[in-house]
Amino acid sequence: MKVISERALKDRMSDFLREVEATGEELLVTKDGQLVLKIISYHRFADEVELNPKEIGKN
């Protein structure tokens, strides 16, 4: 599990997303020292994640 700052995510988002997808490693994102996001690979955790197909792609 990797922990990065919100700023690092902003600067290198594409790199981090590719890494999560390739390795399945979880990515924790902090802001001002507090955990704000957990990014996981959907394919690795598909059986644990519930997605509503009607919500995918909506803004």
PDB file of N, CA and C in Angstrom:
ATOM      1  N   MET A   1       0.845  -1.160   0.000  1.00  0.00           N
ATOM      2  CA  MET A   1       0.000   0.000   0.000  1.00  0.00           C
ATOM      3  C   MET A   1       0.901   1.237   0.000  1.00  0.00           C
ATOM      4  N   LYS A   2       0.640   2.140  -0.935  1.00  0.00           N
ATOM      5  CA  LYS A   2       1.432   3.350  -1.056  1.00  0.00           C
ATOM      6  C   LYS A   2       0.615   4.523  -0.533  1.00  0.00           C
ATOM      7  N   VAL A   3       1.278   5.438   0.171  1.00  0.00           N
ATOM      8  CA  VAL A   3       0.637   6.641   0.682  1.00  0.00           C
ATOM      9  C   VAL A   3       1.292   7.846   0.008  1.00  0.00           C
ATOM     10  N   ILE A   4       0.464   8.700  -0.586  1.00  0.00           N
ATOM     11  CA  ILE A   4       0.966   9.893  -1.265  1.00  0.00           C
ATOM     12  C   ILE A   4       0.122  11.096  -0.869  1.00  0.00           C
ATOM     13  N   SER A   5       0.654  12.269  -1.131  1.00  0.00           N
ATOM     14  CA  SER A   5      -0.095  13.495  -0.840  1.00  0.00           C
ATOM     15  C   SER A   5      -1.025  13.829  -2.006  1.00  0.00           C
ATOM     16  N   GLU A   6      -2.023  14.626  -1.704  1.00  0.00           N
ATOM     17  CA  GLU A   6      -2.942  15.094  -2.741  1.00  0.00           C
ATOM     18  C   GLU A   6      -2.162  15.821  -3.847  1.00  0.00           C
ATOM     19  N   ARG A   7      -1.171  16.584  -3.464  1.00  0.00           N
ATOM     20  CA  ARG A   7      -0.342  17.321  -4.417  1.00  0.00           C
ATOM     21  C   ARG A   7       0.398  16.367  -5.354  1.00  0.00           C
ATOM     22  N   ALA A   8       0.962  15.291  -4.806  1.00  0.00           N
ATOM     23  CA  ALA A   8       1.659  14.305  -5.636  1.00  0.00           C
ATOM     24  C   ALA A   8       0.693  13.655  -6.612  1.00  0.00           C
ATOM     25  N   LEU A   9      -0.520  13.362  -6.147  1.00  0.00           N
ATOM     26  CA  LEU A   9      -1.518  12.771  -7.031  1.00  0.00           C
ATOM     27  C   LEU A   9      -1.846  13.723  -8.171  1.00  0.00           C
ATOM     28  N   LYS A  10      -2.027  14.982  -7.841  1.00  0.00           N
ATOM     29  CA  LYS A  10      -2.334  15.978  -8.866  1.00  0.00           C
ATOM     30  C   LYS A  10      -1.210  16.057  -9.905  1.00  0.00           C
ATOM     31  N   ASP A  11       0.019  16.038  -9.442  1.00  0.00           N
ATOM     32  CA  ASP A  11       1.168  16.173 -10.342  1.00  0.00           C
ATOM     33  C   ASP A  11       1.399  14.946 -11.217  1.00  0.00           C
ATOM     34  N   ARG A  12       1.070  13.745 -10.699  1.00  0.00           N
ATOM     35  CA  ARG A  12       1.405  12.509 -11.425  1.00  0.00           C
ATOM     36  C   ARG A  12       0.244  11.519 -11.482  1.00  0.00           C
ATOM     37  N   MET A  13      -0.968  12.014 -11.616  1.00  0.00           N
ATOM     38  CA  MET A  13      -2.151  11.156 -11.552  1.00  0.00           C
ATOM     39  C   MET A  13      -2.100  10.000 -12.548  1.00  0.00           C
ATOM     40  N   SER A  14      -1.758  10.276 -13.782  1.00  0.00           N
ATOM     41  CA  SER A  14      -1.725   9.212 -14.795  1.00  0.00           C
ATOM     42  C   SER A  14      -0.760   8.103 -14.405  1.00  0.00           C
ATOM     43  N   ASP A  15       0.402   8.486 -13.914  1.00  0.00           N
ATOM     44  CA  ASP A  15       1.393   7.487 -13.495  1.00  0.00           C
ATOM     45  C   ASP A  15       0.861   6.619 -12.358  1.00  0.00           C
ATOM     46  N   PHE A  16       0.264   7.259 -11.356  1.00  0.00           N
ATOM     47  CA  PHE A  16      -0.262   6.512 -10.216  1.00  0.00           C
ATOM     48  C   PHE A  16      -1.414   5.592 -10.618  1.00  0.00           C
ATOM     49  N   LEU A  17      -2.301   6.068 -11.485  1.00  0.00           N
ATOM     50  CA  LEU A  17      -3.426   5.227 -11.910  1.00  0.00           C
ATOM     51  C   LEU A  17      -2.945   4.020 -12.705  1.00  0.00           C
ATOM     52  N   ARG A  18      -1.959   4.221 -13.569  1.00  0.00           N
ATOM     53  CA  ARG A  18      -1.389   3.088 -14.315  1.00  0.00           C
ATOM     54  C   ARG A  18      -0.763   2.075 -13.354  1.00  0.00           C
ATOM     55  N   GLU A  19      -0.081   2.573 -12.336  1.00  0.00           N
ATOM     56  CA  GLU A  19       0.565   1.687 -11.359  1.00  0.00           C
ATOM     57  C   GLU A  19      -0.472   0.868 -10.584  1.00  0.00           C
ATOM     58  N   VAL A  20      -1.539   1.507 -10.141  1.00  0.00           N
ATOM     59  CA  VAL A  20      -2.594   0.788  -9.422  1.00  0.00           C
ATOM     60  C   VAL A  20      -3.204  -0.272 -10.327  1.00  0.00           C
ATOM     61  N   GLU A  21      -3.466   0.089 -11.568  1.00  0.00           N
ATOM     62  CA  GLU A  21      -4.050  -0.867 -12.506  1.00  0.00           C
ATOM     63  C   GLU A  21      -3.110  -2.043 -12.769  1.00  0.00           C
ATOM     64  N   ALA A  22      -1.830  -1.767 -12.931  1.00  0.00           N
ATOM     65  CA  ALA A  22      -0.859  -2.815 -13.267  1.00  0.00           C
ATOM     66  C   ALA A  22      -0.537  -3.733 -12.090  1.00  0.00           C
ATOM     67  N   THR A  23      -0.431  -3.152 -10.891  1.00  0.00           N
ATOM     68  CA  THR A  23       0.029  -3.936  -9.749  1.00  0.00           C
ATOM     69  C   THR A  23      -1.099  -4.382  -8.823  1.00  0.00           C
ATOM     70  N   GLY A  24      -2.212  -3.666  -8.857  1.00  0.00           N
ATOM     71  CA  GLY A  24      -3.299  -3.960  -7.931  1.00  0.00           C
ATOM     72  C   GLY A  24      -3.051  -3.397  -6.547  1.00  0.00           C
ATOM     73  N   GLU A  25      -1.925  -2.705  -6.367  1.00  0.00           N
ATOM     74  CA  GLU A  25      -1.587  -2.122  -5.071  1.00  0.00           C
ATOM     75  C   GLU A  25      -2.524  -0.956  -4.761  1.00  0.00           C
ATOM     76  N   GLU A  26      -2.977  -0.880  -3.528  1.00  0.00           N
ATOM     77  CA  GLU A  26      -3.841   0.218  -3.101  1.00  0.00           C
ATOM     78  C   GLU A  26      -3.026   1.504  -2.985  1.00  0.00           C
ATOM     79  N   LEU A  27      -3.691   2.614  -3.246  1.00  0.00           N
ATOM     80  CA  LEU A  27      -3.056   3.922  -3.153  1.00  0.00           C
ATOM     81  C   LEU A  27      -3.872   4.782  -2.188  1.00  0.00           C
ATOM     82  N   LEU A  28      -3.238   5.235  -1.112  1.00  0.00           N
ATOM     83  CA  LEU A  28      -3.898   6.102  -0.148  1.00  0.00           C
ATOM     84  C   LEU A  28      -3.423   7.524  -0.390  1.00  0.00           C
ATOM     85  N   VAL A  29      -4.364   8.461  -0.373  1.00  0.00           N
ATOM     86  CA  VAL A  29      -4.055   9.860  -0.655  1.00  0.00           C
ATOM     87  C   VAL A  29      -4.385  10.683   0.586  1.00  0.00           C
ATOM     88  N   THR A  30      -3.440  11.542   0.984  1.00  0.00           N
ATOM     89  CA  THR A  30      -3.639  12.379   2.155  1.00  0.00           C
ATOM     90  C   THR A  30      -3.685  13.852   1.764  1.00  0.00           C
ATOM     91  N   LYS A  31      -4.403  14.615   2.588  1.00  0.00           N
ATOM     92  CA  LYS A  31      -4.453  16.071   2.450  1.00  0.00           C
ATOM     93  C   LYS A  31      -4.242  16.636   3.841  1.00  0.00           C
ATOM     94  N   ASP A  32      -3.224  17.451   3.968  1.00  0.00           N
ATOM     95  CA  ASP A  32      -2.878  18.017   5.279  1.00  0.00           C
ATOM     96  C   ASP A  32      -2.694  16.924   6.328  1.00  0.00           C
ATOM     97  N   GLY A  33      -2.107  15.801   5.907  1.00  0.00           N
ATOM     98  CA  GLY A  33      -1.806  14.708   6.822  1.00  0.00           C
ATOM     99  C   GLY A  33      -2.973  13.786   7.146  1.00  0.00           C
ATOM    100  N   GLN A  34      -4.138  14.055   6.584  1.00  0.00           N
ATOM    101  CA  GLN A  34      -5.329  13.249   6.850  1.00  0.00           C
ATOM    102  C   GLN A  34      -5.685  12.426   5.616  1.00  0.00           C
ATOM    103  N   LEU A  35      -6.047  11.182   5.818  1.00  0.00           N
ATOM    104  CA  LEU A  35      -6.454  10.315   4.726  1.00  0.00           C
ATOM    105  C   LEU A  35      -7.750  10.831   4.109  1.00  0.00           C
ATOM    106  N   VAL A  36      -7.752  11.011   2.772  1.00  0.00           N
ATOM    107  CA  VAL A  36      -8.954  11.506   2.103  1.00  0.00           C
ATOM    108  C   VAL A  36      -9.441  10.574   0.992  1.00  0.00           C
ATOM    109  N   LEU A  37      -8.570   9.759   0.438  1.00  0.00           N
ATOM    110  CA  LEU A  37      -8.947   8.857  -0.651  1.00  0.00           C
ATOM    111  C   LEU A  37      -8.227   7.530  -0.534  1.00  0.00           C
ATOM    112  N   LYS A  38      -8.899   6.501  -1.014  1.00  0.00           N
ATOM    113  CA  LYS A  38      -8.280   5.192  -1.179  1.00  0.00           C
ATOM    114  C   LYS A  38      -8.600   4.768  -2.610  1.00  0.00           C
ATOM    115  N   ILE A  39      -7.581   4.595  -3.407  1.00  0.00           N
ATOM    116  CA  ILE A  39      -7.764   4.209  -4.810  1.00  0.00           C
ATOM    117  C   ILE A  39      -7.361   2.746  -4.947  1.00  0.00           C
ATOM    118  N   ILE A  40      -8.278   1.954  -5.497  1.00  0.00           N
ATOM    119  CA  ILE A  40      -8.019   0.530  -5.671  1.00  0.00           C
ATOM    120  C   ILE A  40      -8.295   0.136  -7.109  1.00  0.00           C
ATOM    121  N   SER A  41      -7.756  -0.991  -7.508  1.00  0.00           N
ATOM    122  CA  SER A  41      -8.019  -1.540  -8.833  1.00  0.00           C
ATOM    123  C   SER A  41      -9.373  -2.242  -8.814  1.00  0.00           C
ATOM    124  N   TYR A  42     -10.274  -1.825  -9.676  1.00  0.00           N
ATOM    125  CA  TYR A  42     -11.591  -2.449  -9.753  1.00  0.00           C
ATOM    126  C   TYR A  42     -11.458  -3.932 -10.084  1.00  0.00           C
ATOM    127  N   HIS A  43     -10.570  -4.268 -11.007  1.00  0.00           N
ATOM    128  CA  HIS A  43     -10.434  -5.662 -11.438  1.00  0.00           C
ATOM    129  C   HIS A  43      -9.950  -6.566 -10.310  1.00  0.00           C
ATOM    130  N   ARG A  44      -9.104  -6.040  -9.445  1.00  0.00           N
ATOM    131  CA  ARG A  44      -8.602  -6.846  -8.338  1.00  0.00           C
ATOM    132  C   ARG A  44      -9.658  -7.053  -7.260  1.00  0.00           C
ATOM    133  N   PHE A  45     -10.532  -6.072  -7.078  1.00  0.00           N
ATOM    134  CA  PHE A  45     -11.501  -6.115  -5.996  1.00  0.00           C
ATOM    135  C   PHE A  45     -12.935  -6.145  -6.507  1.00  0.00           C
ATOM    136  N   ALA A  46     -13.160  -6.573  -7.721  1.00  0.00           N
ATOM    137  CA  ALA A  46     -14.485  -6.514  -8.349  1.00  0.00           C
ATOM    138  C   ALA A  46     -15.558  -7.202  -7.513  1.00  0.00           C
ATOM    139  N   ASP A  47     -15.206  -8.286  -6.854  1.00  0.00           N
ATOM    140  CA  ASP A  47     -16.206  -8.995  -6.064  1.00  0.00           C
ATOM    141  C   ASP A  47     -16.534  -8.276  -4.750  1.00  0.00           C
ATOM    142  N   GLU A  48     -15.727  -7.279  -4.373  1.00  0.00           N
ATOM    143  CA  GLU A  48     -15.950  -6.535  -3.134  1.00  0.00           C
ATOM    144  C   GLU A  48     -16.567  -5.152  -3.375  1.00  0.00           C
ATOM    145  N   VAL A  49     -16.600  -4.719  -4.622  1.00  0.00           N
ATOM    146  CA  VAL A  49     -17.051  -3.369  -4.942  1.00  0.00           C
ATOM    147  C   VAL A  49     -18.401  -3.430  -5.634  1.00  0.00           C
ATOM    148  N   GLU A  50     -19.341  -2.652  -5.133  1.00  0.00           N
ATOM    149  CA  GLU A  50     -20.651  -2.579  -5.768  1.00  0.00           C
ATOM    150  C   GLU A  50     -20.726  -1.294  -6.577  1.00  0.00           C
ATOM    151  N   LEU A  51     -21.008  -1.426  -7.859  1.00  0.00           N
ATOM    152  CA  LEU A  51     -21.205  -0.271  -8.717  1.00  0.00           C
ATOM    153  C   LEU A  51     -22.589  -0.348  -9.329  1.00  0.00           C
ATOM    154  N   ASN A  52     -23.240   0.768  -9.374  1.00  0.00           N
ATOM    155  CA  ASN A  52     -24.536   0.845 -10.029  1.00  0.00           C
ATOM    156  C   ASN A  52     -24.276   1.206 -11.492  1.00  0.00           C
ATOM    157  N   PRO A  53     -24.530   0.291 -12.431  1.00  0.00           N
ATOM    158  CA  PRO A  53     -24.243   0.557 -13.842  1.00  0.00           C
ATOM    159  C   PRO A  53     -24.888   1.840 -14.365  1.00  0.00           C
ATOM    160  N   LYS A  54     -25.989   2.256 -13.769  1.00  0.00           N
ATOM    161  CA  LYS A  54     -26.658   3.489 -14.199  1.00  0.00           C
ATOM    162  C   LYS A  54     -25.860   4.724 -13.820  1.00  0.00           C
ATOM    163  N   GLU A  55     -24.972   4.591 -12.833  1.00  0.00           N
ATOM    164  CA  GLU A  55     -24.183   5.731 -12.350  1.00  0.00           C
ATOM    165  C   GLU A  55     -22.836   5.853 -13.056  1.00  0.00           C
ATOM    166  N   ILE A  56     -22.377   4.817 -13.715  1.00  0.00           N
ATOM    167  CA  ILE A  56     -21.067   4.851 -14.371  1.00  0.00           C
ATOM    168  C   ILE A  56     -21.109   5.858 -15.516  1.00  0.00           C
ATOM    169  N   GLY A  57     -20.151   6.756 -15.536  1.00  0.00           N
ATOM    170  CA  GLY A  57     -20.059   7.752 -16.591  1.00  0.00           C
ATOM    171  C   GLY A  57     -20.854   9.021 -16.336  1.00  0.00           C
ATOM    172  N   LYS A  58     -21.618   9.053 -15.251  1.00  0.00           N
ATOM    173  CA  LYS A  58     -22.366  10.275 -14.929  1.00  0.00           C
ATOM    174  C   LYS A  58     -21.445  11.237 -14.209  1.00  0.00           C
ATOM    175  N   ASN A  59     -21.661  12.512 -14.432  1.00  0.00           N
ATOM    176  CA  ASN A  59     -20.898  13.551 -13.726  1.00  0.00           C
ATOM    177  C   ASN A  59     -21.736  14.153 -12.649  1.00  0.00           C
TER     178      ASN A  59
END
